[in-house]
C-alpha cells in the first residue's frame, strides 16, 4: 500500500512523519555512541581493578602461589581481565559496525527525503501554475466564443436589415469570421493546456512517496481523509450550443435571451487540494469522512466494541464460576482474591456498553445520511421562484411600455419558496468558497429573501457575483452595503470578470 494512494492530500503529514523518523534515527546513533563510551569506561575500570590486585612478584618467586586459594584468586582476576577485553571488543564493534553504518544510512535517508520532497514541492507549484493557466485559457476560450457568437448575430442581423449597406454586411461577416477563427485558436490552446494539466496531475497523485519506515499502515489509519484523488478535468466546449435545462447544467439566461456560457470550472477551484481550508480534523464519530466512508468506519468500530463486550462478559462468567468453586473448596484458593478482577470486568462491561450505544447512535445518523444522499439530489434545494410574467425586452423602442408592463405584472415569489431553506449546508459552502468576487450583476427585478440562505435585493441594484448558478436556479451574490446570500438567477443580468 503506497502513501501516494492513501495520503495523497496529506503532504505536510508525510513531511513531518519522515522528519520525525530521521530524528529518531539520529537519537539512536547518539545512544549507541554513549553506550560505546560506557563500555570502554567499564572495560578500563575492570583492567585497573585487575592490575590493582594482581600479585606483584612472579609466581615462581612467590611461595604462596603454590596454594590452591591463591591460584583460584589469580584465576578470577584473569577471568575479569578477559571480560574487560570482551567489553572493549563490544565497544569497538558498536563504534565501527553500528555507529558508522547508521550515521551513513541516516545521511543517505536525509538526502533521499530531501530529493523526494523537493520534487513534491516542485510538482505542487507546477500543478498550481498549470491550474491557473488552465483557468485563464478556459476563460479566454469562453470570452472568444461569446464574441464570436455576438459577431455572428450582428452579421446575421445586418444581412436581414434592408437598410444596411453591402459594405457593412461584408465587414460584419469578416468580423464574425475573424472572431470564429480566434475562438478556434483559443479552443486548441485550452485543449492542449487541459491535456498537460491532467497529465501532470495524474503523475503527481499516482506517484509513491518514499516509504522510509515500516509503520506506514499505522500512519495511513491515523491521517487518511478518505477522500478520492482528483480525477481528470473535463473539457468544456463553449463553441457548442448550450441549450441544456437548468436542472442539469449551470447555464443562466441573461436578459437578452442569449444563453450565458458557464461551466463548473470556478466551482472546481474550491476543491483545489493545496488549499489550506482542505485540512480536516479527525473526530471520534468520523464525521470528517464522506458519508459512506463514515458508515463503514463506524460499523467496524461497533463490531470491535461488541466483540470486546462479549469477551468481558465471558471472562466475568468464568470468574464467577471460579469464585463459587473457591467458596465450596477453600483449599483451592481464596474467593476474595477474585473480587478485584470481577470489579474490573464489571467496569469494562459498563464502559463498553456506553461505547456501543454511542456508536449505534452515530451509525444510525450516518446510515440516514447515506440514504438521503442516494435519494433525490433535489431534496437539498428548492425550485427557484419563476421570473415575472413580463420580462423587459432587449430593444429600446418600447422601454416605457415594457417598464409599465413589468411593474404591473411582477409578482413576489410565493411564500412556500421563500420559507424553505435554499441550502441546508449554507454555512459550509460559505467556508469553502473564495472571498473575492468572480464578477458583478444587476438585479432586473425586486426580490425579498425571507428564507434561510437568501438575501433581498432591489430592482436595478448592483451586486458582486460570488458564485455562479450550479444548475439549481440560484446564484450567490454580495451586496455592496453588506450581506451575502442566494437570489434567483433569472432575476439577474450577470457579467463575469
Protein backbone atom coordinates (compact mmCIF):
# COMPACT_ATOMS: atom_id res chain seq x y z
CA UNK A 1 0.00 0.00 0.00
CA UNK A 2 1.66 3.22 -1.12
CA UNK A 3 1.24 6.59 0.52
CA UNK A 4 0.57 8.21 -2.83
CA UNK A 5 -2.78 6.35 -2.88
CA UNK A 6 -3.94 6.72 0.73
CA UNK A 7 -2.31 10.00 1.82
CA UNK A 8 -2.39 11.93 -1.44
CA UNK A 9 -3.73 15.06 0.31
CA UNK A 10 -1.53 14.79 3.43
CA UNK A 11 1.77 16.09 2.06
CA UNK A 12 2.61 18.02 5.24
CA UNK A 13 1.84 14.99 7.40
CA UNK A 14 4.28 12.88 5.39
CA UNK A 15 6.91 15.57 5.66
CA UNK A 16 6.58 15.77 9.46
CA UNK A 17 6.49 11.99 9.86
CA UNK A 18 9.60 11.33 7.79
CA UNK A 19 11.46 14.10 9.61
CA UNK A 20 10.45 12.56 12.93
CA UNK A 21 11.76 9.18 11.76
CA UNK A 22 15.12 10.64 10.80
CA UNK A 23 15.35 12.47 14.13
CA UNK A 24 14.64 9.19 15.93
CA UNK A 25 17.40 7.51 13.92
CA UNK A 26 19.85 10.26 14.94
CA UNK A 27 18.86 9.78 18.59
CA UNK A 28 19.57 6.06 18.30
CA UNK A 29 23.00 6.77 16.81
CA UNK A 30 23.73 9.09 19.73
CA UNK A 31 22.54 6.41 22.18
CA UNK A 32 24.89 3.82 20.64
CA UNK A 33 27.81 6.25 20.85
CA UNK A 34 27.17 6.93 24.51
CA UNK A 35 26.83 3.20 25.20
CA UNK A 36 30.20 2.69 23.45
CA UNK A 37 31.76 5.21 25.81
CA UNK A 38 30.19 3.43 28.78
CA UNK A 39 31.55 0.06 27.61
CA UNK A 40 35.02 1.49 27.14
CA UNK A 41 34.98 3.14 30.55
CA UNK A 42 33.74 -0.09 32.14
CA UNK A 43 36.49 -2.13 30.47
CA UNK A 44 39.11 0.37 31.63
CA UNK A 45 37.89 0.20 35.23
CA UNK A 46 37.95 -3.61 35.15
CA UNK A 47 41.52 -3.65 33.88
CA UNK A 48 42.57 -1.18 36.59
CA UNK A 49 40.88 -3.39 39.17
CA UNK A 50 42.71 -6.49 37.93
CA UNK A 51 46.01 -4.63 37.84
CA UNK A 52 45.49 -3.46 41.41
CA UNK A 53 45.01 -6.95 42.86
CA UNK A 54 47.44 -9.00 40.76
CA UNK A 55 50.46 -10.31 42.71
CA UNK A 56 53.50 -8.09 42.40
CA UNK A 57 56.02 -10.94 42.38
CA UNK A 58 56.27 -13.67 39.72
CA UNK A 59 54.62 -16.97 40.56
CA UNK A 60 57.96 -18.89 40.75
CA UNK A 61 59.30 -16.44 43.34
CA UNK A 62 56.14 -16.33 45.40
CA UNK A 63 55.79 -19.24 47.86
CA UNK A 64 52.07 -18.50 48.30
CA UNK A 65 51.42 -19.30 44.65
CA UNK A 66 51.61 -22.99 45.48
CA UNK A 67 48.37 -22.83 47.48
CA UNK A 68 45.05 -23.52 45.74
CA UNK A 69 43.33 -20.50 47.31
CA UNK A 70 45.87 -18.15 45.76
CA UNK A 71 45.63 -19.91 42.42
CA UNK A 72 41.81 -19.56 42.45
CA UNK A 73 42.04 -15.82 43.16
CA UNK A 74 44.52 -15.32 40.33
CA UNK A 75 42.22 -17.26 38.02
CA UNK A 76 39.28 -14.98 38.93
CA UNK A 77 41.40 -11.93 38.18
CA UNK A 78 42.29 -13.39 34.78
CA UNK A 79 38.60 -14.00 34.02
CA UNK A 80 37.76 -10.40 34.93
CA UNK A 81 40.57 -9.23 32.69
CA UNK A 82 39.19 -11.37 29.85
CA UNK A 83 35.73 -9.91 30.47
CA UNK A 84 37.23 -6.41 30.19
CA UNK A 85 38.64 -7.41 26.83
CA UNK A 86 35.19 -8.58 25.74
CA UNK A 87 33.68 -5.20 26.69
CA UNK A 88 36.39 -3.46 24.69
CA UNK A 89 35.56 -5.65 21.70
CA UNK A 90 31.84 -4.84 22.09
CA UNK A 91 32.63 -1.12 22.24
CA UNK A 92 34.78 -1.38 19.12
CA UNK A 93 32.05 -3.24 17.17
CA UNK A 94 29.42 -0.72 18.27
CA UNK A 95 31.61 2.14 17.17
CA UNK A 96 32.70 0.73 13.81
CA UNK A 97 29.88 -1.55 12.68
CA UNK A 98 26.87 0.24 14.18
CA UNK A 99 27.58 3.94 14.67
CA UNK A 100 29.37 4.49 11.39
CA UNK A 101 26.88 2.44 9.37
CA UNK A 102 23.87 4.12 10.98
CA UNK A 103 25.33 7.59 10.51
CA UNK A 104 25.99 6.80 6.85
CA UNK A 105 22.45 5.40 6.44
CA UNK A 106 20.97 8.48 8.14
CA UNK A 107 22.78 10.79 5.72
CA UNK A 108 21.55 8.76 2.75
CA UNK A 109 17.97 8.86 4.00
CA UNK A 110 18.16 12.60 4.58
CA UNK A 111 19.38 13.17 1.05
CA UNK A 112 16.70 10.86 -0.38
CA UNK A 113 13.97 12.53 1.65
CA UNK A 114 15.16 15.98 0.63
CA UNK A 115 15.16 14.96 -3.02
CA UNK A 116 11.64 13.45 -2.87
CA UNK A 117 10.08 16.39 -1.09
CA UNK A 118 11.79 18.92 -3.32
CA UNK A 119 10.28 17.08 -6.27
CA UNK A 120 6.92 17.06 -4.48
CA UNK A 121 7.00 20.81 -3.85
CA UNK A 122 8.03 21.48 -7.42
CA UNK A 123 5.16 19.27 -8.58
CA UNK A 124 2.75 21.18 -6.34
CA UNK A 125 3.92 24.52 -7.68
CA UNK A 126 3.73 23.18 -11.22
CA UNK A 127 0.17 21.97 -10.62
CA UNK A 128 -0.87 25.29 -9.10
CA UNK A 129 0.65 27.20 -12.02
CA UNK A 130 -0.93 24.78 -14.50
CA UNK A 131 -4.31 25.14 -12.83
CA UNK A 132 -4.15 28.93 -13.07
CA UNK A 133 -3.08 28.75 -16.70
CA UNK A 134 -5.88 26.29 -17.40
CA UNK A 135 -8.45 28.63 -15.87
CA UNK A 136 -7.08 31.56 -17.88
CA UNK A 137 -7.20 29.52 -21.10
CA UNK A 138 -10.76 28.44 -20.37
CA UNK A 139 -11.90 32.00 -19.65
CA UNK A 140 -10.23 33.22 -22.84
CA UNK A 141 -11.92 30.43 -24.83
CA UNK A 142 -15.27 31.29 -23.25
CA UNK A 143 -14.79 35.01 -23.93
CA UNK A 144 -13.79 34.42 -27.56
CA UNK A 145 -16.81 32.14 -28.09
CA UNK A 146 -19.08 34.84 -26.75
CA UNK A 147 -17.51 37.43 -29.01
CA UNK A 148 -17.78 35.08 -31.98
CA UNK A 149 -21.43 34.39 -31.24
CA UNK A 150 -22.13 38.08 -30.81
CA UNK A 151 -20.34 38.90 -34.09
CA UNK A 152 -22.29 36.15 -35.90
CA UNK A 153 -25.58 37.52 -34.57
CA UNK A 154 -24.60 41.03 -35.65
CA UNK A 155 -23.70 39.84 -39.16
CA UNK A 156 -26.98 37.94 -39.43
CA UNK A 157 -28.98 40.93 -38.25
CA UNK A 158 -27.28 43.24 -40.74
CA UNK A 159 -27.77 40.69 -43.51
CA UNK A 160 -31.52 40.73 -42.87
CA UNK A 161 -31.67 44.51 -42.50
CA UNK A 162 -32.81 46.09 -45.80
CA UNK A 163 -31.38 49.44 -44.76
CA UNK A 164 -27.82 48.08 -44.23
CA UNK A 165 -25.26 48.65 -46.96
CA UNK A 166 -23.36 45.84 -48.62
CA UNK A 167 -20.07 47.16 -47.18
CA UNK A 168 -21.45 47.00 -43.66
CA UNK A 169 -22.65 43.44 -44.22
CA UNK A 170 -19.29 42.32 -45.63
CA UNK A 171 -17.44 44.00 -42.79
CA UNK A 172 -19.67 42.29 -40.23
CA UNK A 173 -19.14 38.91 -41.91
CA UNK A 174 -15.37 39.38 -41.92
CA UNK A 175 -15.52 40.34 -38.26
CA UNK A 176 -17.57 37.23 -37.50
CA UNK A 177 -15.12 35.06 -39.42
CA UNK A 178 -12.17 36.60 -37.55
CA UNK A 179 -13.86 36.08 -34.19
CA UNK A 180 -14.65 32.48 -35.11
CA UNK A 181 -11.01 31.89 -36.05
CA UNK A 182 -9.86 33.39 -32.73
CA UNK A 183 -12.31 31.17 -30.84
CA UNK A 184 -10.96 28.11 -32.65
CA UNK A 185 -7.39 29.03 -31.70
CA UNK A 186 -8.46 29.58 -28.09
CA UNK A 187 -10.16 26.18 -28.14
CA UNK A 188 -6.97 24.46 -29.31
CA UNK A 189 -4.91 26.27 -26.70
CA UNK A 190 -7.40 25.35 -23.96
CA UNK A 191 -7.44 21.68 -25.05
CA UNK A 192 -3.62 21.49 -25.07
CA UNK A 193 -3.41 23.16 -21.64
CA UNK A 194 -6.04 20.76 -20.29
CA UNK A 195 -4.13 17.74 -21.57
CA UNK A 196 -0.89 18.93 -19.96
CA UNK A 197 -2.61 19.64 -16.64
CA UNK A 198 -4.32 16.23 -16.48
CA UNK A 199 -1.04 14.51 -17.32
CA UNK A 200 0.87 16.41 -14.59
CA UNK A 201 -1.92 15.82 -12.09
CA UNK A 202 -2.02 12.08 -12.76
CA UNK A 203 1.78 11.87 -12.47
CA UNK A 204 1.69 13.64 -9.10
CA UNK A 205 -1.24 11.85 -7.46
CA UNK A 206 -0.32 8.37 -8.69
CA UNK A 207 3.34 8.65 -7.67
CA UNK A 208 4.54 6.98 -4.49
CA UNK A 209 6.02 8.87 -1.60
CA UNK A 210 9.23 7.43 -0.06
CA UNK A 211 8.23 4.66 2.34
CA UNK A 212 11.22 5.09 4.64
CA UNK A 213 9.78 3.35 7.70
CA UNK A 214 7.72 0.22 8.35
CA UNK A 215 4.73 1.77 10.16
CA UNK A 216 3.10 3.22 7.05
CA UNK A 217 -0.20 1.41 7.73
CA UNK A 218 -0.44 2.98 11.18
CA UNK A 219 0.24 6.40 9.69
CA UNK A 220 -2.39 5.84 7.00
CA UNK A 221 -5.05 4.86 9.53
CA UNK A 222 -4.28 7.96 11.62
CA UNK A 223 -4.23 10.58 8.89
CA UNK A 224 -6.05 9.42 5.76
CA UNK A 225 -9.01 11.65 4.94
CA UNK A 226 -10.94 9.08 2.90
CA UNK A 227 -11.45 11.47 0.01
CA UNK A 228 -10.79 10.29 -3.52
CA UNK A 229 -7.98 11.77 -5.54
CA UNK A 230 -8.95 14.43 -8.10
CA UNK A 231 -9.72 12.97 -11.50
CA UNK A 232 -9.13 14.47 -14.91
CA UNK A 233 -10.60 17.89 -15.55
CA UNK A 234 -13.27 17.63 -18.24
CA UNK A 235 -13.13 19.69 -21.40
CA UNK A 236 -15.84 22.35 -21.64
CA UNK A 237 -16.66 23.15 -25.24
CA UNK A 238 -18.10 26.66 -25.22
CA UNK A 239 -18.29 26.64 -29.00
CA UNK A 240 -21.14 24.11 -28.98
CA UNK A 241 -24.77 25.19 -28.49
CA UNK A 242 -25.59 25.05 -24.80
CA UNK A 243 -29.36 24.78 -24.58
CA UNK A 244 -29.46 22.45 -21.63
CA UNK A 245 -32.11 22.61 -18.98
CA UNK A 246 -31.26 24.45 -15.72
CA UNK A 247 -31.66 21.23 -13.76
CA UNK A 248 -28.62 19.53 -15.29
CA UNK A 249 -26.32 22.41 -16.17
CA UNK A 250 -25.06 25.71 -14.87
CA UNK A 251 -26.42 27.85 -17.71
CA UNK A 252 -28.13 31.10 -16.92
CA UNK A 253 -30.34 33.13 -19.23
CA UNK A 254 -29.46 36.82 -19.29
CA UNK A 255 -31.94 39.48 -20.20
CA UNK A 256 -31.00 39.50 -23.88
CA UNK A 257 -32.23 35.92 -24.31
CA UNK A 258 -28.79 34.57 -25.26
CA UNK A 259 -27.63 31.55 -23.24
CA UNK A 260 -24.84 32.57 -20.93
CA UNK A 261 -21.86 30.25 -21.16
CA UNK A 262 -20.96 28.89 -17.82
CA UNK A 263 -19.05 25.90 -16.62
CA UNK A 264 -18.13 24.21 -13.37
CA UNK A 265 -14.55 25.42 -13.58
CA UNK A 266 -14.87 28.14 -10.97
CA UNK A 267 -16.73 25.95 -8.55
CA UNK A 268 -13.98 23.37 -9.00
CA UNK A 269 -11.44 25.86 -7.68
CA UNK A 270 -12.75 25.38 -4.14
CA UNK A 271 -11.74 21.71 -4.31
CA UNK A 272 -8.13 22.57 -5.12
CA UNK A 273 -6.18 20.10 -2.95
CA UNK A 274 -3.45 22.53 -1.87
CA UNK A 275 -5.86 24.95 -0.24
CA UNK A 276 -5.26 25.26 3.49
CA UNK A 277 -9.02 25.02 4.06
CA UNK A 278 -8.79 21.43 2.86
CA UNK A 279 -7.33 20.27 6.15
CA UNK A 280 -9.68 18.06 8.12
CA UNK A 281 -9.92 17.43 11.84
CA UNK A 282 -10.16 13.75 12.76
CA UNK A 283 -13.17 13.20 15.05
CA UNK A 284 -14.27 10.23 17.08
CA UNK A 285 -17.50 9.82 15.11
CA UNK A 286 -15.57 10.03 11.78
CA UNK A 287 -17.72 12.98 10.70
CA UNK A 288 -14.71 14.31 8.78
CA UNK A 289 -15.14 11.45 6.28
CA UNK A 290 -17.67 11.18 3.45
CA UNK A 291 -20.98 9.57 4.49
CA UNK A 292 -20.24 6.12 3.02
CA UNK A 293 -16.72 6.04 4.49
CA UNK A 294 -18.09 7.22 7.84
CA UNK A 295 -20.69 4.45 7.87
CA UNK A 296 -18.08 1.76 7.18
CA UNK A 297 -15.71 3.01 9.86
CA UNK A 298 -18.50 3.29 12.45
CA UNK A 299 -19.70 -0.22 11.57
CA UNK A 300 -16.17 -1.55 12.07
CA UNK A 301 -15.79 0.22 15.42
CA UNK A 302 -19.19 -1.08 16.58
CA UNK A 303 -18.26 -4.66 15.70
CA UNK A 304 -15.00 -4.35 17.63
CA UNK A 305 -16.79 -2.96 20.69
CA UNK A 306 -19.31 -5.80 20.57
CA UNK A 307 -16.52 -8.39 20.40
CA UNK A 308 -14.74 -6.78 23.35
CA UNK A 309 -18.01 -6.63 25.29
CA UNK A 310 -18.69 -10.33 24.70
CA UNK A 311 -15.14 -11.16 25.77
CA UNK A 312 -15.55 -9.24 29.04
CA UNK A 313 -18.93 -10.91 29.71
CA UNK A 314 -17.40 -14.37 29.18
CA UNK A 315 -14.50 -13.50 31.47
CA UNK A 316 -16.87 -12.31 34.18
CA UNK A 317 -18.87 -15.56 33.98
CA UNK A 318 -15.66 -17.57 34.24
CA UNK A 319 -14.53 -15.57 37.31
CA UNK A 320 -17.92 -16.08 38.98
CA UNK A 321 -17.71 -19.83 38.43
CA UNK A 322 -14.18 -19.89 39.81
CA UNK A 323 -15.31 -17.92 42.85
CA UNK A 324 -18.09 -20.45 43.52
CA UNK A 325 -15.54 -23.26 43.33
CA UNK A 326 -13.24 -21.47 45.81
CA UNK A 327 -16.15 -20.90 48.19
CA UNK A 328 -17.10 -24.59 48.09
CA UNK A 329 -13.49 -25.79 48.25
CA UNK A 330 -11.41 -23.24 50.23
CA UNK A 331 -8.18 -25.24 49.85
CA UNK A 332 -8.20 -24.46 46.10
CA UNK A 333 -7.97 -20.71 46.59
CA UNK A 334 -9.21 -17.57 48.30
CA UNK A 335 -12.54 -16.26 46.89
CA UNK A 336 -11.68 -12.70 47.99
CA UNK A 337 -8.67 -12.65 45.66
CA UNK A 338 -11.04 -12.69 42.67
CA UNK A 339 -13.07 -9.65 43.73
CA UNK A 340 -10.74 -7.02 42.16
CA UNK A 341 -10.79 -8.81 38.81
CA UNK A 342 -14.58 -9.19 38.91
CA UNK A 343 -14.96 -5.48 39.70
CA UNK A 344 -12.62 -4.58 36.84
CA UNK A 345 -14.60 -6.68 34.35
CA UNK A 346 -17.84 -5.06 35.54
CA UNK A 347 -16.38 -1.59 34.95
CA UNK A 348 -15.17 -2.65 31.49
CA UNK A 349 -18.60 -4.04 30.63
CA UNK A 350 -20.32 -0.77 31.60
CA UNK A 351 -17.81 1.27 29.63
CA UNK A 352 -18.18 -0.91 26.53
CA UNK A 353 -21.98 -0.78 26.74
CA UNK A 354 -21.84 3.01 26.70
CA UNK A 355 -19.47 2.88 23.72
CA UNK A 356 -21.81 0.50 21.88
CA UNK A 357 -24.78 2.81 22.46
CA UNK A 358 -22.75 5.79 21.30
CA UNK A 359 -21.56 4.11 18.10
CA UNK A 360 -25.04 2.76 17.37
CA UNK A 361 -26.45 6.30 17.51
CA UNK A 362 -23.70 7.63 15.27
CA UNK A 363 -24.16 4.74 12.86
CA UNK A 364 -27.91 5.37 12.62
CA UNK A 365 -27.24 9.02 11.73
CA UNK A 366 -24.61 8.05 9.16
CA UNK A 367 -26.92 5.49 7.52
CA UNK A 368 -29.74 8.01 7.29
CA UNK A 369 -27.31 10.47 5.71
CA UNK A 370 -26.19 7.86 3.19
CA UNK A 371 -29.79 7.05 2.29
CA UNK A 372 -30.64 10.71 1.86
CA UNK A 373 -27.62 11.20 -0.41
CA UNK A 374 -28.66 8.22 -2.52
CA UNK A 375 -32.17 9.61 -2.89
CA UNK A 376 -33.30 12.51 -4.96
CA UNK A 377 -30.48 15.04 -5.11
CA UNK A 378 -33.04 17.81 -5.48
CA UNK A 379 -34.05 17.30 -1.86
CA UNK A 380 -31.29 19.67 -0.78
CA UNK A 381 -32.56 22.54 -2.93
CA UNK A 382 -35.87 24.11 -3.78
CA UNK A 383 -37.04 25.24 -7.16
CA UNK A 384 -36.31 28.95 -7.66
CA UNK A 385 -39.24 31.30 -7.99
CA UNK A 386 -40.36 31.86 -11.56
CA UNK A 387 -39.39 35.20 -13.07
CA UNK A 388 -42.10 37.81 -13.53
CA UNK A 389 -44.53 37.09 -16.34
CA UNK A 390 -43.34 40.02 -18.44
CA UNK A 391 -39.59 40.39 -18.75
CA UNK A 392 -38.24 43.61 -20.27
CA UNK A 393 -37.30 43.14 -23.95
CA UNK A 394 -33.85 43.84 -25.21
CA UNK A 395 -34.89 46.51 -27.73
CA UNK A 396 -35.07 50.18 -26.82
CA UNK A 397 -38.18 51.20 -28.79
CA UNK A 398 -40.73 50.07 -26.17
CA UNK A 399 -38.83 50.66 -22.94
CA UNK A 400 -41.52 52.70 -21.30
CA UNK A 401 -44.28 50.26 -22.18
CA UNK A 402 -42.18 47.35 -21.05
CA UNK A 403 -41.44 49.08 -17.77
CA UNK A 404 -45.13 49.63 -17.16
CA UNK A 405 -45.97 46.04 -18.05
CA UNK A 406 -43.21 44.76 -15.80
CA UNK A 407 -44.38 46.81 -12.81
CA UNK A 408 -47.97 45.74 -13.31
CA UNK A 409 -47.26 42.07 -13.91
CA UNK A 410 -44.42 41.47 -11.43
CA UNK A 411 -45.47 39.22 -8.56
CA UNK A 412 -43.44 38.47 -5.44
CA UNK A 413 -42.21 34.90 -5.02
CA UNK A 414 -44.55 32.51 -3.31
CA UNK A 415 -44.42 32.17 0.46
CA UNK A 416 -43.63 28.48 0.13
CA UNK A 417 -40.48 29.12 -1.85
CA UNK A 418 -39.34 31.90 0.49
CA UNK A 419 -39.86 29.96 3.69
CA UNK A 420 -37.94 26.90 2.53
CA UNK A 421 -34.18 26.95 3.19
CA UNK A 422 -32.23 27.29 -0.06
CA UNK A 423 -29.19 25.30 1.12
CA UNK A 424 -29.16 23.06 4.12
CA UNK A 425 -25.36 23.29 4.23
CA UNK A 426 -25.22 27.05 3.67
CA UNK A 427 -22.53 27.84 6.25
CA UNK A 428 -20.27 25.05 5.00
CA UNK A 429 -20.48 26.33 1.41
CA UNK A 430 -19.51 29.81 2.55
CA UNK A 431 -16.40 28.50 4.32
CA UNK A 432 -15.16 26.70 1.22
CA UNK A 433 -15.81 29.44 -1.36
CA UNK A 434 -13.28 32.17 -2.06
CA UNK A 435 -13.97 35.62 -0.63
CA UNK A 436 -13.16 37.56 -3.80
CA UNK A 437 -15.96 38.20 -6.34
CA UNK A 438 -15.82 36.47 -9.71
CA UNK A 439 -17.94 39.07 -11.46
CA UNK A 440 -20.81 41.51 -10.94
CA UNK A 441 -24.52 41.50 -11.71
CA UNK A 442 -27.51 43.81 -11.81
CA UNK A 443 -30.92 42.97 -10.33
CA UNK A 444 -33.57 43.04 -13.05
CA UNK A 445 -36.42 42.58 -10.58
CA UNK A 446 -37.03 43.11 -6.90
CA UNK A 447 -36.61 40.05 -4.68
CA UNK A 448 -37.44 39.66 -1.00
CA UNK A 449 -35.21 36.97 0.52
CA UNK A 450 -37.09 35.67 3.55
CA UNK A 451 -35.85 32.05 3.70
CA UNK A 452 -32.60 30.83 5.19
CA UNK A 453 -29.62 31.46 2.94
CA UNK A 454 -31.33 34.02 0.67
CA UNK A 455 -30.80 37.78 0.52
CA UNK A 456 -33.07 40.61 -0.53
CA UNK A 457 -32.28 42.90 -3.47
CA UNK A 458 -33.88 45.91 -5.08
CA UNK A 459 -34.55 46.39 -8.77
CA UNK A 460 -31.53 47.90 -10.54
CA UNK A 461 -29.20 47.20 -7.59
CA UNK A 462 -25.55 46.42 -8.42
CA UNK A 463 -24.28 43.24 -6.72
CA UNK A 464 -20.99 41.34 -6.55
CA UNK A 465 -21.10 37.84 -8.03
CA UNK A 466 -19.62 35.36 -5.52
CA UNK A 467 -20.69 32.03 -7.03
CA UNK A 468 -22.28 31.04 -10.34
CA UNK A 469 -25.50 29.11 -10.74
CA UNK A 470 -24.78 25.40 -10.17
CA UNK A 471 -27.87 24.27 -12.03
CA UNK A 472 -30.47 24.77 -9.29
CA UNK A 473 -31.58 28.25 -10.39
CA UNK A 474 -29.83 30.18 -7.58
CA UNK A 475 -26.79 32.47 -7.67
CA UNK A 476 -24.79 33.65 -4.67
CA UNK A 477 -24.21 37.42 -4.52
CA UNK A 478 -22.91 40.02 -2.09
CA UNK A 479 -24.49 43.44 -1.54
CA UNK A 480 -22.24 46.49 -1.50
CA UNK A 481 -23.68 47.68 1.81
CA UNK A 482 -23.00 44.25 3.35
CA UNK A 483 -24.70 40.90 3.37
CA UNK A 484 -24.27 37.79 1.28
CA UNK A 485 -26.73 35.12 0.12
CA UNK A 486 -28.60 33.46 -2.75
CA UNK A 487 -31.01 35.09 -5.22
CA UNK A 488 -32.82 33.66 -8.29
CA UNK A 489 -30.59 33.51 -11.36
CA UNK A 490 -33.43 34.58 -13.64
CA UNK A 491 -33.69 37.87 -11.71
CA UNK A 492 -30.10 38.89 -12.62
CA UNK A 493 -28.08 40.20 -15.52
CA UNK A 494 -24.64 38.61 -14.90
CA UNK A 495 -21.21 39.76 -16.10
CA UNK A 496 -18.14 37.67 -15.30
CA UNK A 497 -14.74 39.17 -14.64
